[in-house]
Amino acid sequence: MFGMGMPELIIVLVIAFLLFGAKRLPEIGKSVGKTILEFKKAMKEISSDEAPKTEAKQKKNKNKK
């Protein structure tokens, strides 16, 4: 995962725990999860919007030949 091993991951989690505290970590995790989900949705929408345009261009190119 991003070239990080278990020791590095534990160090990052300990630092996050010290900075934000036990009460805030679940809130931060939930926010990060929602952000990633929204990003994935946006990427799917963009790629689905691009697909018809790409197909139309390919059809035009085939008709020209």
C-alpha atoms as a PDB file:
ATOM      1  CA  MET A   1       0.000   0.000   0.000  1.00  0.00           C
ATOM      2  CA  PHE A   2       1.849   3.081  -1.274  1.00  0.00           C
ATOM      3  CA  GLY A   3       5.142   1.332  -0.575  1.00  0.00           C
ATOM      4  CA  MET A   4       4.475   1.418   3.171  1.00  0.00           C
ATOM      5  CA  GLY A   5       5.090  -1.573   5.373  1.00  0.00           C
ATOM      6  CA  MET A   6       3.446  -2.411   8.668  1.00  0.00           C
ATOM      7  CA  PRO A   7       5.951  -0.482  10.839  1.00  0.00           C
ATOM      8  CA  GLU A   8       5.493   2.715   8.816  1.00  0.00           C
ATOM      9  CA  LEU A   9       1.704   2.371   8.929  1.00  0.00           C
ATOM     10  CA  ILE A  10       1.770   1.937  12.707  1.00  0.00           C
ATOM     11  CA  ILE A  11       3.950   5.028  13.107  1.00  0.00           C
ATOM     12  CA  VAL A  12       1.546   7.095  10.979  1.00  0.00           C
ATOM     13  CA  LEU A  13      -1.434   5.864  13.021  1.00  0.00           C
ATOM     14  CA  VAL A  14       0.301   6.659  16.320  1.00  0.00           C
ATOM     15  CA  ILE A  15       1.140  10.172  15.127  1.00  0.00           C
ATOM     16  CA  ALA A  16      -2.462  10.692  13.968  1.00  0.00           C
ATOM     17  CA  PHE A  17      -3.701   9.446  17.337  1.00  0.00           C
ATOM     18  CA  LEU A  18      -1.437  11.869  19.168  1.00  0.00           C
ATOM     19  CA  LEU A  19      -2.384  14.829  16.968  1.00  0.00           C
ATOM     20  CA  PHE A  20      -6.137  14.365  16.823  1.00  0.00           C
ATOM     21  CA  GLY A  21      -7.051  12.220  19.818  1.00  0.00           C
ATOM     22  CA  ALA A  22      -9.264   9.170  20.114  1.00  0.00           C
ATOM     23  CA  LYS A  23     -12.557  11.050  19.749  1.00  0.00           C
ATOM     24  CA  ARG A  24     -11.690  12.752  16.460  1.00  0.00           C
ATOM     25  CA  LEU A  25     -10.109   9.808  14.597  1.00  0.00           C
ATOM     26  CA  PRO A  26     -13.429   8.080  13.708  1.00  0.00           C
ATOM     27  CA  GLU A  27     -14.823  11.397  12.440  1.00  0.00           C
ATOM     28  CA  ILE A  28     -11.746  12.000  10.304  1.00  0.00           C
ATOM     29  CA  GLY A  29     -11.864   8.455   8.928  1.00  0.00           C
ATOM     30  CA  LYS A  30     -15.521   8.830   8.013  1.00  0.00           C
ATOM     31  CA  SER A  31     -14.839  12.144   6.272  1.00  0.00           C
ATOM     32  CA  VAL A  32     -11.936  10.687   4.304  1.00  0.00           C
ATOM     33  CA  GLY A  33     -14.089   7.716   3.279  1.00  0.00           C
ATOM     34  CA  LYS A  34     -16.886   9.975   2.045  1.00  0.00           C
ATOM     35  CA  THR A  35     -14.391  12.095   0.123  1.00  0.00           C
ATOM     36  CA  ILE A  36     -12.929   9.053  -1.619  1.00  0.00           C
ATOM     37  CA  LEU A  37     -16.432   7.781  -2.457  1.00  0.00           C
ATOM     38  CA  GLU A  38     -17.446  11.119  -3.983  1.00  0.00           C
ATOM     39  CA  PHE A  39     -14.207  11.255  -5.967  1.00  0.00           C
ATOM     40  CA  LYS A  40     -14.837   7.772  -7.385  1.00  0.00           C
ATOM     41  CA  LYS A  41     -18.413   8.744  -8.320  1.00  0.00           C
ATOM     42  CA  ALA A  42     -17.166  11.843 -10.117  1.00  0.00           C
ATOM     43  CA  MET A  43     -14.548   9.837 -12.005  1.00  0.00           C
ATOM     44  CA  LYS A  44     -17.194   7.319 -13.127  1.00  0.00           C
ATOM     45  CA  GLU A  45     -19.480  10.135 -14.287  1.00  0.00           C
ATOM     46  CA  ILE A  46     -16.668  11.748 -16.251  1.00  0.00           C
ATOM     47  CA  SER A  47     -15.679   8.467 -17.886  1.00  0.00           C
ATOM     48  CA  SER A  48     -19.304   7.620 -18.736  1.00  0.00           C
ATOM     49  CA  ASP A  49     -19.741  11.086 -20.280  1.00  0.00           C
ATOM     50  CA  GLU A  50     -16.585  10.576 -22.358  1.00  0.00           C
ATOM     51  CA  ALA A  51     -17.611   7.138 -23.694  1.00  0.00           C
ATOM     52  CA  PRO A  52     -20.375   8.318 -26.095  1.00  0.00           C
ATOM     53  CA  LYS A  53     -18.137  11.090 -27.443  1.00  0.00           C
ATOM     54  CA  THR A  54     -15.320   8.647 -28.079  1.00  0.00           C
ATOM     55  CA  GLU A  55     -17.659   6.209 -29.832  1.00  0.00           C
ATOM     56  CA  ALA A  56     -19.032   8.977 -32.048  1.00  0.00           C
ATOM     57  CA  LYS A  57     -15.502  10.019 -33.054  1.00  0.00           C
ATOM     58  CA  GLN A  58     -14.601   6.425 -33.891  1.00  0.00           C
ATOM     59  CA  LYS A  59     -17.703   6.069 -36.079  1.00  0.00           C
ATOM     60  CA  LYS A  60     -16.832   9.291 -37.932  1.00  0.00           C
ATOM     61  CA  ASN A  61     -13.293   8.041 -38.549  1.00  0.00           C
ATOM     62  CA  LYS A  62     -14.589   4.721 -39.913  1.00  0.00           C
ATOM     63  CA  ASN A  63     -17.002   6.528 -42.242  1.00  0.00           C
ATOM     64  CA  LYS A  64     -14.211   8.728 -43.640  1.00  0.00           C
ATOM     65  CA  LYS A  65     -12.071   5.743 -44.611  1.00  0.00           C
END
